Amino acid sequence: MLDPIAVRLEPPGLEGLLRLPARMSGLVLFAHGSGSGRLSPRNNHVAQALGRAGFATLLFDLLTEDEAADRSNVFDIGLLGERLCRATDWAQQQVPLRGLPVGYFGASTGAAAALTAAAARPAVIGAVVSRGGRPDLAAPVLGAVRAPTLLIVGSLDHAVLDLNRKALAGLADQKALEIVPGATHLFEEPGTLDRVVTLAADWFRRFLVLERVEKSDVAT
């Protein structure tokens, strides 16, 4: 298990957890859903597994405590996307992470923030994975997302599954929808979150690592 390093993004003072495996193929930033943050047990489970697969991970609170107390901020996708962009810029300036291809993992409303940030950073973000996400909340920018995007939804999460099917049609470039049998919105059923890990790791290996190799080939 990789021990996380506590970090702080200033301003406005966002707390984060950074994991750095010995060999890093890419960096994955997490965007959490409403009412969640860097201590999310599900996202930390995914982050630990991605670390074992060779990806650095950054989980951080998109809002300060005072900001989160205002429920309107929790659903302000524009604000959350801007915070994710700021965290991305910060991460790219850190020596251990410099030059790594970057991807996003978004959960619930955090998936909309991830897609919003990916649309704003098309030359930077190499892949996006959504777990039980609400990509429909990023509908105005879906067509501008250039990063290959994987939407993962539980088969029993009926309303969100319908929203993801509609959002998939709005994504312009490489995209896929994976339905996890027997899973509800939080993927609490035995084995379902591990299936998310497998799908996410495969997606990031396919696109982030490949992107890095292609850039290296061009540079040489």
Foldseek 3Di string as FASTA:
>chain_A
DFAWDWDFDPVPTKIKTKGAAPAAQAEEEEFEAQPDFRPPPLVVVLQVLLSVLHHIYMTIGLDDPVQSVPVVSRQPLVSSLVSVLSVVVVQCPDVVRPLAQYEYEYEAASLCSRQSNQLVCVVRHAEYEYALYQVVSNLVRQCSRPHEYEYEYEPAQPVSVVNVVVSQVSHNDHYYYHYQYPAYSVRPDPPRSVVVSVVVSVRCCVTRNVVSVVVVVVVD
